[in-house]
C-alpha cells in the first residue's frame, strides 16, 4: 500500500512539474511575441483527414500588428483593421465586410495565433525534436471546455528563439491541421495603410461589396 502511495505521489509530482515547465515556456513565448512591433510569417498549411481521404497542402503569409492582421491564403485575402473583417476574393471579384465580435470568435485567428494558449487550455510538456539543428519542444494543449471541437493542440516551440515553429491541431472528428512556419520576421517596415481597406479602389475595379454589418 505504501509503495502504491509513493508511486501515485511521484506521478503527481512529475505531472505538476511538467505543467509548471510547460506554463513557464509558454509565458516566455508570450512575453517575447508581445515585445515585437509587428510580425510577418510565411507558412505552410496542411489539412489531413485520413477517414475522408483528404490531404491538402498550401502556402500562405500573414502580417500581424497588435490585433490587426493581413492574411493571404488559398487565393483569398483576409484583413482585420481592429473593428471589421474584410474578405477579398479576386477570383469572384467580391469583398465581404463583417463586424468582429470577440465573444463569438472562438477560432485561432491570425491575431491570436501566437497567444491563443494563454486562456482556455491545460498544458504539459510533450516530445522534443531536432529540426535542422534547432531544438523544437512541443507542448500539448487540451481545451478546458469538454465540449470544444478541438481535441488537442501540439505547439512546437523553438527553444532558443522562443518562437512558434509548428502548430498541430486535431479536431474531435479526426481532422488534423498543421501550420509550419517557414520564416518568422519581426519589426518590419510595414506600410501605414497595410491594414486599411480602400473601398473606392475595389469599387473602381468592379468588385461587388457585400456588407454583413
N, C-alpha and C. Protein backbone atom coordinates (compact mmCIF):
# COMPACT_ATOMS: atom_id res chain seq x y z
N UNK A 1 0.84 -1.21 0.00
CA UNK A 1 0.00 0.00 0.00
C UNK A 1 0.88 1.26 0.00
N UNK A 2 1.97 1.22 0.84
CA UNK A 2 2.87 2.37 0.91
C UNK A 2 3.53 2.62 -0.43
N UNK A 3 3.91 1.50 -1.12
CA UNK A 3 4.55 1.63 -2.43
C UNK A 3 3.61 2.29 -3.43
N UNK A 4 2.33 1.92 -3.36
CA UNK A 4 1.32 2.49 -4.26
C UNK A 4 1.19 3.99 -4.03
N UNK A 5 1.17 4.37 -2.74
CA UNK A 5 1.06 5.80 -2.40
C UNK A 5 2.27 6.56 -2.92
N UNK A 6 3.45 5.95 -2.76
CA UNK A 6 4.69 6.60 -3.22
C UNK A 6 4.66 6.79 -4.74
N UNK A 7 4.19 5.77 -5.46
CA UNK A 7 4.10 5.84 -6.92
C UNK A 7 3.14 6.93 -7.35
N UNK A 8 1.98 6.98 -6.71
CA UNK A 8 0.96 7.99 -7.03
C UNK A 8 1.51 9.39 -6.79
N UNK A 9 2.19 9.58 -5.64
CA UNK A 9 2.76 10.88 -5.33
C UNK A 9 3.84 11.26 -6.33
N UNK A 10 4.63 10.27 -6.76
CA UNK A 10 5.69 10.53 -7.73
C UNK A 10 5.11 10.96 -9.07
N UNK A 11 4.05 10.24 -9.50
CA UNK A 11 3.40 10.58 -10.77
C UNK A 11 2.79 11.98 -10.70
N UNK A 12 2.15 12.29 -9.58
CA UNK A 12 1.54 13.61 -9.40
C UNK A 12 2.61 14.71 -9.43
N UNK A 13 3.75 14.42 -8.81
CA UNK A 13 4.85 15.39 -8.77
C UNK A 13 5.41 15.65 -10.16
N UNK A 14 5.56 14.58 -10.94
CA UNK A 14 6.06 14.70 -12.31
C UNK A 14 5.08 15.48 -13.16
N UNK A 15 3.78 15.17 -13.03
CA UNK A 15 2.75 15.87 -13.80
C UNK A 15 2.73 17.35 -13.45
N UNK A 16 2.86 17.68 -12.16
CA UNK A 16 2.85 19.08 -11.73
C UNK A 16 4.07 19.81 -12.27
N UNK A 17 5.23 19.13 -12.24
CA UNK A 17 6.46 19.74 -12.74
C UNK A 17 6.37 19.99 -14.24
N UNK A 18 5.78 19.03 -14.96
CA UNK A 18 5.62 19.19 -16.40
C UNK A 18 4.69 20.35 -16.72
N UNK A 19 3.60 20.46 -15.96
CA UNK A 19 2.64 21.55 -16.17
C UNK A 19 3.29 22.90 -15.91
N UNK A 20 4.07 22.97 -14.83
CA UNK A 20 4.75 24.22 -14.49
C UNK A 20 5.79 24.57 -15.55
N UNK A 21 6.52 23.54 -16.02
CA UNK A 21 7.55 23.75 -17.03
C UNK A 21 6.93 24.22 -18.34
N UNK A 22 5.81 23.59 -18.73
CA UNK A 22 5.11 23.97 -19.96
C UNK A 22 4.58 25.40 -19.84
N UNK A 23 4.00 25.73 -18.69
CA UNK A 23 3.46 27.07 -18.46
C UNK A 23 4.57 28.10 -18.54
N UNK A 24 5.72 27.78 -17.98
CA UNK A 24 6.86 28.69 -17.99
C UNK A 24 7.34 28.96 -19.41
N UNK A 25 7.42 27.91 -20.22
CA UNK A 25 7.86 28.04 -21.61
C UNK A 25 6.86 28.87 -22.41
N UNK A 26 5.57 28.62 -22.22
CA UNK A 26 4.53 29.38 -22.92
C UNK A 26 4.55 30.85 -22.52
N UNK A 27 4.84 31.12 -21.25
CA UNK A 27 4.94 32.51 -20.79
C UNK A 27 6.10 33.23 -21.45
N UNK A 28 7.20 32.50 -21.65
CA UNK A 28 8.36 33.09 -22.32
C UNK A 28 8.02 33.43 -23.77
N UNK A 29 7.29 32.53 -24.44
CA UNK A 29 6.88 32.76 -25.83
C UNK A 29 5.97 33.98 -25.90
N UNK A 30 5.00 34.05 -25.00
CA UNK A 30 4.05 35.15 -24.98
C UNK A 30 4.75 36.49 -24.75
N UNK A 31 5.66 36.52 -23.79
CA UNK A 31 6.41 37.75 -23.48
C UNK A 31 7.24 38.20 -24.68
N UNK A 32 7.87 37.23 -25.34
CA UNK A 32 8.72 37.54 -26.50
C UNK A 32 7.87 38.13 -27.63
N UNK A 33 6.74 37.50 -27.91
CA UNK A 33 5.87 37.92 -29.01
C UNK A 33 5.32 39.32 -28.77
N UNK A 34 4.90 39.60 -27.54
CA UNK A 34 4.29 40.89 -27.22
C UNK A 34 5.30 42.04 -27.24
N UNK A 35 6.57 41.69 -27.30
CA UNK A 35 7.60 42.72 -27.34
C UNK A 35 7.90 43.23 -28.74
N UNK A 36 7.32 42.58 -29.76
CA UNK A 36 7.57 42.99 -31.14
C UNK A 36 6.53 44.02 -31.60
N UNK A 37 6.97 44.93 -32.44
CA UNK A 37 6.05 45.92 -33.01
C UNK A 37 5.13 45.27 -34.03
N UNK A 38 5.69 44.35 -34.81
CA UNK A 38 4.90 43.59 -35.77
C UNK A 38 5.61 42.29 -36.10
N UNK A 39 4.88 41.37 -36.70
CA UNK A 39 5.43 40.06 -37.06
C UNK A 39 4.93 39.69 -38.46
N UNK A 40 5.83 39.19 -39.30
CA UNK A 40 5.47 38.74 -40.64
C UNK A 40 5.90 37.28 -40.77
N UNK A 41 4.92 36.43 -41.05
CA UNK A 41 5.16 34.98 -41.11
C UNK A 41 4.82 34.42 -42.48
N UNK A 42 5.72 33.62 -43.01
CA UNK A 42 5.46 32.83 -44.22
C UNK A 42 5.31 31.39 -43.74
N UNK A 43 4.25 30.71 -44.17
CA UNK A 43 3.98 29.39 -43.60
C UNK A 43 3.47 28.37 -44.62
N UNK A 44 3.53 27.11 -44.20
CA UNK A 44 2.93 26.02 -44.95
C UNK A 44 1.76 25.50 -44.13
N UNK A 45 0.65 25.20 -44.81
CA UNK A 45 -0.58 24.76 -44.13
C UNK A 45 -1.00 23.41 -44.71
N UNK A 46 -1.25 22.46 -43.84
CA UNK A 46 -1.69 21.14 -44.28
C UNK A 46 -2.98 20.75 -43.58
N UNK A 47 -3.94 20.24 -44.35
CA UNK A 47 -5.19 19.71 -43.81
C UNK A 47 -5.22 18.23 -44.13
N UNK A 48 -5.41 17.41 -43.11
CA UNK A 48 -5.39 15.97 -43.31
C UNK A 48 -6.54 15.29 -42.56
N UNK A 49 -7.29 14.47 -43.29
CA UNK A 49 -8.33 13.64 -42.69
C UNK A 49 -8.29 12.30 -43.41
N UNK A 50 -7.67 11.32 -42.78
CA UNK A 50 -7.47 10.01 -43.40
C UNK A 50 -8.80 9.29 -43.66
N UNK A 51 -9.80 9.55 -42.79
CA UNK A 51 -11.09 8.89 -42.98
C UNK A 51 -11.77 9.35 -44.26
N UNK A 52 -11.61 10.62 -44.57
CA UNK A 52 -12.22 11.20 -45.77
C UNK A 52 -11.26 11.19 -46.96
N UNK A 53 -10.06 10.64 -46.73
CA UNK A 53 -9.02 10.58 -47.77
C UNK A 53 -8.69 11.98 -48.31
N UNK A 54 -8.54 12.92 -47.37
CA UNK A 54 -8.22 14.30 -47.73
C UNK A 54 -6.84 14.66 -47.21
N UNK A 55 -6.00 15.17 -48.07
CA UNK A 55 -4.67 15.64 -47.67
C UNK A 55 -4.31 16.82 -48.57
N UNK A 56 -4.40 18.02 -48.04
CA UNK A 56 -4.23 19.24 -48.84
C UNK A 56 -3.14 20.12 -48.27
N UNK A 57 -2.20 20.53 -49.14
CA UNK A 57 -1.14 21.45 -48.75
C UNK A 57 -1.33 22.80 -49.42
N UNK A 58 -0.98 23.85 -48.72
CA UNK A 58 -0.99 25.18 -49.32
C UNK A 58 0.00 26.04 -48.57
N UNK A 59 0.35 27.17 -49.18
CA UNK A 59 1.25 28.12 -48.53
C UNK A 59 0.51 29.43 -48.30
N UNK A 60 1.01 30.21 -47.39
CA UNK A 60 0.38 31.48 -47.10
C UNK A 60 1.33 32.40 -46.36
N UNK A 61 0.88 33.61 -46.14
CA UNK A 61 1.67 34.55 -45.35
C UNK A 61 0.72 35.46 -44.57
N UNK A 62 1.20 35.94 -43.46
CA UNK A 62 0.37 36.81 -42.62
C UNK A 62 1.24 37.89 -41.97
N UNK A 63 0.72 39.11 -41.95
CA UNK A 63 1.36 40.22 -41.25
C UNK A 63 0.48 40.56 -40.05
N UNK A 64 1.10 40.66 -38.88
CA UNK A 64 0.35 40.89 -37.64
C UNK A 64 0.92 42.10 -36.91
N UNK A 65 0.03 43.00 -36.49
CA UNK A 65 0.44 44.15 -35.69
C UNK A 65 -0.64 44.39 -34.65
N UNK A 66 -0.35 43.99 -33.42
CA UNK A 66 -1.37 44.05 -32.38
C UNK A 66 -2.50 43.11 -32.73
N UNK A 67 -3.73 43.61 -32.73
CA UNK A 67 -4.89 42.79 -33.11
C UNK A 67 -5.12 42.78 -34.62
N UNK A 68 -4.48 43.69 -35.31
CA UNK A 68 -4.68 43.80 -36.76
C UNK A 68 -3.88 42.73 -37.51
N UNK A 69 -4.43 42.28 -38.64
CA UNK A 69 -3.68 41.31 -39.44
C UNK A 69 -4.10 41.38 -40.91
N UNK A 70 -3.21 40.87 -41.75
CA UNK A 70 -3.47 40.73 -43.17
C UNK A 70 -3.00 39.34 -43.56
N UNK A 71 -3.94 38.49 -43.95
CA UNK A 71 -3.66 37.09 -44.26
C UNK A 71 -3.92 36.80 -45.73
N UNK A 72 -2.94 36.19 -46.39
CA UNK A 72 -3.08 35.75 -47.78
C UNK A 72 -2.97 34.23 -47.82
N UNK A 73 -4.04 33.57 -48.31
CA UNK A 73 -4.06 32.11 -48.30
C UNK A 73 -5.15 31.60 -49.23
N UNK A 74 -4.84 30.57 -50.00
CA UNK A 74 -5.80 29.94 -50.90
C UNK A 74 -6.44 30.95 -51.86
N UNK A 75 -5.65 31.91 -52.32
CA UNK A 75 -6.14 32.87 -53.30
C UNK A 75 -7.08 33.91 -52.71
N UNK A 76 -7.16 33.97 -51.39
CA UNK A 76 -8.04 34.91 -50.71
C UNK A 76 -7.25 35.78 -49.73
N UNK A 77 -7.63 37.04 -49.63
CA UNK A 77 -7.01 37.94 -48.65
C UNK A 77 -8.03 38.24 -47.56
N UNK A 78 -7.60 38.09 -46.33
CA UNK A 78 -8.48 38.38 -45.19
C UNK A 78 -7.77 39.42 -44.32
N UNK A 79 -8.44 40.53 -44.09
CA UNK A 79 -7.84 41.62 -43.33
C UNK A 79 -8.72 42.02 -42.15
N UNK A 80 -8.09 42.32 -41.05
CA UNK A 80 -8.80 42.81 -39.86
C UNK A 80 -8.15 44.12 -39.44
N UNK A 81 -8.93 45.20 -39.43
CA UNK A 81 -8.39 46.53 -39.11
C UNK A 81 -8.60 46.93 -37.66
N UNK A 82 -9.05 45.96 -36.86
CA UNK A 82 -9.30 46.22 -35.44
C UNK A 82 -10.78 46.32 -35.12
N UNK A 83 -11.60 46.54 -36.18
CA UNK A 83 -13.05 46.65 -35.99
C UNK A 83 -13.83 45.74 -36.94
N UNK A 84 -13.41 45.73 -38.18
CA UNK A 84 -14.13 44.95 -39.20
C UNK A 84 -13.19 43.95 -39.89
N UNK A 85 -13.80 42.88 -40.40
CA UNK A 85 -13.06 41.86 -41.14
C UNK A 85 -13.42 41.99 -42.62
N UNK A 86 -12.41 42.04 -43.46
CA UNK A 86 -12.60 42.17 -44.90
C UNK A 86 -12.06 40.90 -45.57
N UNK A 87 -12.94 40.21 -46.29
CA UNK A 87 -12.53 39.01 -47.02
C UNK A 87 -12.59 39.32 -48.51
N UNK A 88 -11.43 39.32 -49.14
CA UNK A 88 -11.30 39.74 -50.53
C UNK A 88 -11.00 38.52 -51.40
N UNK A 89 -11.90 38.25 -52.37
CA UNK A 89 -11.74 37.09 -53.25
C UNK A 89 -11.60 37.59 -54.69
N UNK A 90 -10.37 37.74 -55.20
CA UNK A 90 -10.14 38.25 -56.55
C UNK A 90 -10.82 37.40 -57.64
N UNK A 91 -10.86 36.07 -57.45
CA UNK A 91 -11.45 35.20 -58.46
C UNK A 91 -12.93 35.53 -58.70
N UNK A 92 -13.63 35.88 -57.62
CA UNK A 92 -15.05 36.22 -57.72
C UNK A 92 -15.28 37.73 -57.81
N UNK A 93 -14.19 38.50 -57.70
CA UNK A 93 -14.29 39.96 -57.67
C UNK A 93 -15.31 40.40 -56.63
N UNK A 94 -15.11 39.91 -55.43
CA UNK A 94 -16.06 40.19 -54.35
C UNK A 94 -15.33 40.47 -53.05
N UNK A 95 -15.88 41.40 -52.26
CA UNK A 95 -15.36 41.72 -50.94
C UNK A 95 -16.52 41.58 -49.95
N UNK A 96 -16.29 40.82 -48.88
CA UNK A 96 -17.29 40.69 -47.83
C UNK A 96 -16.80 41.43 -46.60
N UNK A 97 -17.63 42.31 -46.06
CA UNK A 97 -17.27 43.10 -44.89
C UNK A 97 -18.17 42.70 -43.72
N UNK A 98 -17.57 42.33 -42.61
CA UNK A 98 -18.37 41.91 -41.45
C UNK A 98 -17.79 42.51 -40.18
N UNK A 99 -18.64 42.70 -39.18
CA UNK A 99 -18.20 43.19 -37.89
C UNK A 99 -17.50 42.08 -37.13
N UNK A 100 -16.58 42.44 -36.27
CA UNK A 100 -15.87 41.46 -35.46
C UNK A 100 -16.44 41.44 -34.04
N UNK A 101 -16.67 40.25 -33.52
CA UNK A 101 -17.15 40.10 -32.16
C UNK A 101 -16.22 39.14 -31.42
N UNK A 102 -15.54 39.65 -30.42
CA UNK A 102 -14.61 38.81 -29.65
C UNK A 102 -15.35 37.69 -28.91
N UNK A 103 -16.61 37.93 -28.57
CA UNK A 103 -17.40 36.93 -27.84
C UNK A 103 -17.74 35.74 -28.73
N UNK A 104 -17.95 36.02 -30.03
CA UNK A 104 -18.31 34.94 -30.96
C UNK A 104 -17.08 34.26 -31.55
N UNK A 105 -15.93 34.90 -31.42
CA UNK A 105 -14.72 34.38 -32.05
C UNK A 105 -14.02 33.38 -31.14
N UNK A 106 -14.19 32.10 -31.44
CA UNK A 106 -13.55 31.05 -30.65
C UNK A 106 -12.46 30.34 -31.44
N UNK A 107 -12.24 30.77 -32.67
CA UNK A 107 -11.22 30.16 -33.51
C UNK A 107 -9.86 30.76 -33.22
N UNK A 108 -8.82 30.07 -33.70
CA UNK A 108 -7.46 30.57 -33.57
C UNK A 108 -7.21 31.48 -34.78
N UNK A 109 -7.55 32.75 -34.65
CA UNK A 109 -7.39 33.70 -35.74
C UNK A 109 -5.93 34.15 -35.81
N UNK A 110 -5.52 34.77 -36.93
CA UNK A 110 -4.13 35.22 -37.06
C UNK A 110 -3.65 36.10 -35.91
N UNK A 111 -4.51 37.01 -35.45
CA UNK A 111 -4.10 37.90 -34.36
C UNK A 111 -3.93 37.17 -33.03
N UNK A 112 -4.55 35.98 -32.92
CA UNK A 112 -4.43 35.20 -31.68
C UNK A 112 -3.48 34.01 -31.84
N UNK A 113 -2.94 33.85 -33.05
CA UNK A 113 -2.12 32.68 -33.35
C UNK A 113 -0.99 32.48 -32.36
N UNK A 114 -0.37 33.55 -31.93
CA UNK A 114 0.82 33.45 -31.09
C UNK A 114 0.55 33.59 -29.60
N UNK A 115 -0.73 33.79 -29.22
CA UNK A 115 -1.06 33.96 -27.80
C UNK A 115 -2.34 33.24 -27.39
N UNK A 116 -2.96 32.47 -28.29
CA UNK A 116 -4.26 31.85 -28.01
C UNK A 116 -4.22 30.92 -26.81
N UNK A 117 -3.05 30.35 -26.52
CA UNK A 117 -2.89 29.34 -25.47
C UNK A 117 -2.96 29.92 -24.06
N UNK A 118 -3.03 31.24 -23.94
CA UNK A 118 -2.99 31.87 -22.62
C UNK A 118 -4.24 31.58 -21.79
N UNK A 119 -5.35 31.32 -22.46
CA UNK A 119 -6.61 31.04 -21.75
C UNK A 119 -7.33 29.85 -22.38
N UNK A 120 -7.99 29.08 -21.56
CA UNK A 120 -8.86 28.01 -22.06
C UNK A 120 -8.20 26.67 -22.29
N UNK A 121 -6.92 26.53 -21.91
CA UNK A 121 -6.23 25.27 -22.14
C UNK A 121 -5.41 24.84 -20.92
N UNK A 122 -5.31 23.53 -20.73
CA UNK A 122 -4.31 23.00 -19.81
C UNK A 122 -3.10 22.64 -20.67
N UNK A 123 -1.93 22.64 -20.09
CA UNK A 123 -0.73 22.39 -20.88
C UNK A 123 0.23 21.45 -20.17
N UNK A 124 0.97 20.68 -20.97
CA UNK A 124 2.03 19.83 -20.42
C UNK A 124 3.08 19.61 -21.50
N UNK A 125 4.30 19.36 -21.06
CA UNK A 125 5.40 19.14 -21.99
C UNK A 125 5.18 17.85 -22.76
N UNK A 126 5.54 17.86 -24.04
CA UNK A 126 5.43 16.68 -24.88
C UNK A 126 6.82 16.36 -25.44
N UNK A 127 6.90 15.82 -26.63
CA UNK A 127 8.19 15.40 -27.19
C UNK A 127 9.05 16.60 -27.61
N UNK A 128 10.34 16.35 -27.75
CA UNK A 128 11.28 17.35 -28.29
C UNK A 128 11.89 16.75 -29.55
N UNK A 129 12.08 17.59 -30.56
CA UNK A 129 12.64 17.13 -31.82
C UNK A 129 13.79 18.03 -32.25
N UNK A 130 14.72 17.45 -33.02
CA UNK A 130 15.79 18.23 -33.62
C UNK A 130 15.42 18.47 -35.08
N UNK A 131 15.24 19.73 -35.46
CA UNK A 131 14.87 20.08 -36.83
C UNK A 131 15.97 20.96 -37.42
N UNK A 132 16.81 20.34 -38.24
CA UNK A 132 17.92 21.07 -38.88
C UNK A 132 18.75 21.85 -37.87
N UNK A 133 19.08 21.17 -36.79
CA UNK A 133 19.94 21.78 -35.78
C UNK A 133 19.20 22.62 -34.76
N UNK A 134 17.89 22.75 -34.91
CA UNK A 134 17.10 23.53 -33.96
C UNK A 134 16.34 22.58 -33.03
N UNK A 135 16.35 22.88 -31.74
CA UNK A 135 15.59 22.06 -30.81
C UNK A 135 14.17 22.59 -30.73
N UNK A 136 13.22 21.76 -31.11
CA UNK A 136 11.81 22.12 -31.07
C UNK A 136 11.14 21.35 -29.94
N UNK A 137 10.69 22.08 -28.94
CA UNK A 137 9.99 21.47 -27.81
C UNK A 137 8.49 21.62 -28.01
N UNK A 138 7.78 20.49 -27.95
CA UNK A 138 6.33 20.52 -28.12
C UNK A 138 5.62 20.59 -26.76
N UNK A 139 4.58 21.40 -26.74
CA UNK A 139 3.72 21.50 -25.56
C UNK A 139 2.32 21.05 -26.00
N UNK A 140 1.74 20.14 -25.26
CA UNK A 140 0.40 19.65 -25.59
C UNK A 140 -0.64 20.48 -24.85
N UNK A 141 -1.57 21.04 -25.63
CA UNK A 141 -2.64 21.87 -25.07
C UNK A 141 -3.96 21.12 -25.20
N UNK A 142 -4.71 21.07 -24.12
CA UNK A 142 -6.01 20.41 -24.12
C UNK A 142 -7.06 21.41 -23.66
N UNK A 143 -8.14 21.60 -24.45
CA UNK A 143 -9.18 22.56 -24.07
C UNK A 143 -9.80 22.22 -22.71
N UNK A 144 -10.02 23.24 -21.90
CA UNK A 144 -10.68 23.04 -20.61
C UNK A 144 -12.15 22.71 -20.83
N UNK A 145 -12.73 23.30 -21.88
CA UNK A 145 -14.13 23.05 -22.23
C UNK A 145 -14.24 21.65 -22.85
N UNK A 146 -14.92 20.76 -22.17
CA UNK A 146 -15.05 19.37 -22.64
C UNK A 146 -15.90 19.27 -23.91
N UNK A 147 -16.65 20.32 -24.23
CA UNK A 147 -17.48 20.31 -25.43
C UNK A 147 -16.80 20.99 -26.62
N UNK A 148 -15.57 21.37 -26.47
CA UNK A 148 -14.84 22.06 -27.53
C UNK A 148 -14.66 21.13 -28.73
N UNK A 149 -14.70 21.71 -29.94
CA UNK A 149 -14.50 20.92 -31.15
C UNK A 149 -13.06 20.44 -31.27
N UNK A 150 -12.14 21.20 -30.68
CA UNK A 150 -10.73 20.84 -30.72
C UNK A 150 -10.44 19.74 -29.69
N UNK A 151 -9.79 18.67 -30.14
CA UNK A 151 -9.40 17.60 -29.23
C UNK A 151 -8.13 18.00 -28.48
N UNK A 152 -7.12 18.40 -29.21
CA UNK A 152 -5.88 18.87 -28.60
C UNK A 152 -5.04 19.61 -29.63
N UNK A 153 -4.05 20.31 -29.13
CA UNK A 153 -3.13 21.07 -29.99
C UNK A 153 -1.71 20.80 -29.52
N UNK A 154 -0.84 20.51 -30.47
CA UNK A 154 0.59 20.40 -30.17
C UNK A 154 1.27 21.66 -30.69
N UNK A 155 1.93 22.36 -29.79
CA UNK A 155 2.59 23.61 -30.15
C UNK A 155 4.09 23.39 -30.10
N UNK A 156 4.74 23.44 -31.27
CA UNK A 156 6.18 23.25 -31.35
C UNK A 156 6.90 24.58 -31.20
N UNK A 157 7.75 24.69 -30.21
CA UNK A 157 8.43 25.95 -29.89
C UNK A 157 9.94 25.81 -30.05
N UNK A 158 10.54 26.76 -30.77
CA UNK A 158 11.99 26.81 -30.90
C UNK A 158 12.56 27.24 -29.55
N UNK A 159 13.28 26.35 -28.91
CA UNK A 159 13.76 26.59 -27.55
C UNK A 159 14.70 27.80 -27.48
N UNK A 160 15.48 28.03 -28.52
CA UNK A 160 16.44 29.14 -28.50
C UNK A 160 15.78 30.49 -28.74
N UNK A 161 14.93 30.59 -29.77
CA UNK A 161 14.33 31.88 -30.11
C UNK A 161 13.02 32.15 -29.37
N UNK A 162 12.41 31.09 -28.84
CA UNK A 162 11.09 31.18 -28.19
C UNK A 162 10.01 31.59 -29.18
N UNK A 163 10.20 31.22 -30.44
CA UNK A 163 9.21 31.46 -31.48
C UNK A 163 8.47 30.16 -31.76
N UNK A 164 7.19 30.27 -32.15
CA UNK A 164 6.42 29.10 -32.52
C UNK A 164 6.87 28.62 -33.90
N UNK A 165 7.20 27.35 -33.99
CA UNK A 165 7.66 26.76 -35.26
C UNK A 165 6.54 25.96 -35.94
N UNK A 166 5.77 25.26 -35.11
CA UNK A 166 4.71 24.42 -35.70
C UNK A 166 3.52 24.34 -34.76
N UNK A 167 2.32 24.30 -35.37
CA UNK A 167 1.08 24.11 -34.62
C UNK A 167 0.32 22.97 -35.26
N UNK A 168 -0.01 21.96 -34.47
CA UNK A 168 -0.76 20.80 -34.97
C UNK A 168 -2.06 20.69 -34.19
N UNK A 169 -3.15 20.99 -34.85
CA UNK A 169 -4.47 20.95 -34.20
C UNK A 169 -5.24 19.73 -34.66
N UNK A 170 -5.73 18.95 -33.71
CA UNK A 170 -6.55 17.77 -34.02
C UNK A 170 -7.96 17.99 -33.50
N UNK A 171 -8.94 17.87 -34.39
CA UNK A 171 -10.34 18.04 -34.00
C UNK A 171 -10.94 16.72 -33.57
N UNK A 172 -12.11 16.80 -32.98
CA UNK A 172 -12.79 15.60 -32.49
C UNK A 172 -13.14 14.61 -33.59
N UNK A 173 -13.30 15.11 -34.83
CA UNK A 173 -13.64 14.22 -35.95
C UNK A 173 -12.41 13.61 -36.62
N UNK A 174 -11.24 13.89 -36.04
CA UNK A 174 -10.02 13.30 -36.59
C UNK A 174 -9.29 14.16 -37.61
N UNK A 175 -9.87 15.30 -37.97
CA UNK A 175 -9.21 16.21 -38.92
C UNK A 175 -8.02 16.88 -38.24
N UNK A 176 -6.89 16.86 -38.93
CA UNK A 176 -5.67 17.45 -38.38
C UNK A 176 -5.21 18.62 -39.25
N UNK A 177 -4.96 19.75 -38.60
CA UNK A 177 -4.47 20.95 -39.28
C UNK A 177 -3.05 21.23 -38.78
N UNK A 178 -2.12 21.33 -39.72
CA UNK A 178 -0.73 21.57 -39.33
C UNK A 178 -0.21 22.84 -39.99
N UNK A 179 0.24 23.78 -39.18
CA UNK A 179 0.85 25.01 -39.67
C UNK A 179 2.33 24.96 -39.33
N UNK A 180 3.18 25.07 -40.35
CA UNK A 180 4.63 25.06 -40.16
C UNK A 180 5.20 26.39 -40.62
N UNK A 181 5.92 27.06 -39.75
CA UNK A 181 6.48 28.36 -40.07
C UNK A 181 7.75 28.21 -40.90
N UNK A 182 7.74 28.82 -42.09
CA UNK A 182 8.92 28.80 -42.95
C UNK A 182 9.85 29.97 -42.63
N UNK A 183 9.27 31.13 -42.36
CA UNK A 183 10.07 32.29 -41.96
C UNK A 183 9.29 33.12 -40.96
N UNK A 184 9.99 33.67 -39.99
CA UNK A 184 9.40 34.44 -38.91
C UNK A 184 10.20 35.73 -38.78
N UNK A 185 9.64 36.83 -39.31
CA UNK A 185 10.34 38.11 -39.29
C UNK A 185 9.63 39.08 -38.35
N UNK A 186 10.40 39.90 -37.69
CA UNK A 186 9.82 40.83 -36.73
C UNK A 186 10.24 42.27 -37.00
N UNK A 187 9.41 43.20 -36.51
CA UNK A 187 9.69 44.64 -36.61
C UNK A 187 10.04 45.07 -38.03
N UNK A 188 9.17 44.69 -38.96
CA UNK A 188 9.37 45.00 -40.36
C UNK A 188 8.82 46.40 -40.70
N UNK A 189 9.36 47.05 -41.75
CA UNK A 189 8.87 48.38 -42.16
C UNK A 189 7.56 48.26 -42.95
N UNK A 190 6.46 48.04 -42.25
CA UNK A 190 5.17 47.85 -42.89
C UNK A 190 4.58 49.19 -43.33
N UNK A 191 3.82 49.14 -44.43
CA UNK A 191 3.14 50.34 -44.92
C UNK A 191 2.10 50.80 -43.89
N UNK A 192 1.95 52.10 -43.74
CA UNK A 192 0.98 52.66 -42.79
C UNK A 192 -0.46 52.34 -43.19
N UNK A 193 -0.67 52.00 -44.46
CA UNK A 193 -2.02 51.71 -44.95
C UNK A 193 -2.25 50.21 -45.15
N UNK A 194 -1.32 49.38 -44.64
CA UNK A 194 -1.42 47.94 -44.85
C UNK A 194 -2.74 47.37 -44.33
N UNK A 195 -3.22 47.89 -43.22
CA UNK A 195 -4.44 47.36 -42.60
C UNK A 195 -5.63 48.30 -42.82
N UNK A 196 -5.56 49.08 -43.89
CA UNK A 196 -6.64 49.99 -44.23
C UNK A 196 -7.33 49.53 -45.51
N UNK A 197 -8.64 49.36 -45.45
CA UNK A 197 -9.38 48.90 -46.61
C UNK A 197 -9.76 50.07 -47.51
N UNK A 198 -9.34 50.01 -48.76
CA UNK A 198 -9.62 51.06 -49.74
C UNK A 198 -10.84 50.64 -50.58
N UNK A 199 -12.02 50.97 -50.09
CA UNK A 199 -13.25 50.54 -50.77
C UNK A 199 -13.37 51.14 -52.17
N UNK A 200 -12.99 52.40 -52.31
CA UNK A 200 -13.10 53.07 -53.62
C UNK A 200 -12.29 52.33 -54.68
N UNK A 201 -11.13 51.83 -54.30
CA UNK A 201 -10.26 51.11 -55.24
C UNK A 201 -10.95 49.85 -55.76
N UNK A 202 -11.56 49.10 -54.86
CA UNK A 202 -12.20 47.86 -55.27
C UNK A 202 -13.48 48.11 -56.07
N UNK A 203 -14.20 49.16 -55.70
CA UNK A 203 -15.40 49.51 -56.47
C UNK A 203 -15.00 49.94 -57.88
N UNK A 204 -13.91 50.65 -57.98
CA UNK A 204 -13.41 51.09 -59.29
C UNK A 204 -13.01 49.89 -60.15
N UNK A 205 -12.50 48.84 -59.49
CA UNK A 205 -12.08 47.63 -60.20
C UNK A 205 -13.25 46.69 -60.48
N UNK A 206 -14.45 47.09 -60.09
CA UNK A 206 -15.65 46.31 -60.42
C UNK A 206 -16.01 45.25 -59.40
N UNK A 207 -15.43 45.31 -58.21
CA UNK A 207 -15.73 44.31 -57.18
C UNK A 207 -17.11 44.56 -56.58
N UNK A 208 -17.80 43.47 -56.23
CA UNK A 208 -19.07 43.57 -55.53
C UNK A 208 -18.77 43.64 -54.04
N UNK A 209 -19.31 44.63 -53.36
CA UNK A 209 -19.08 44.81 -51.92
C UNK A 209 -20.29 44.29 -51.15
N UNK A 210 -20.08 43.22 -50.40
CA UNK A 210 -21.17 42.61 -49.64
C UNK A 210 -20.98 42.93 -48.16
N UNK A 211 -21.87 43.76 -47.62
CA UNK A 211 -21.77 44.17 -46.22
C UNK A 211 -22.68 43.31 -45.34
N UNK A 212 -22.09 42.66 -44.36
CA UNK A 212 -22.86 41.84 -43.44
C UNK A 212 -23.09 42.55 -42.10
N UNK A 213 -22.57 43.80 -42.00
CA UNK A 213 -22.72 44.53 -40.74
C UNK A 213 -24.06 45.25 -40.68
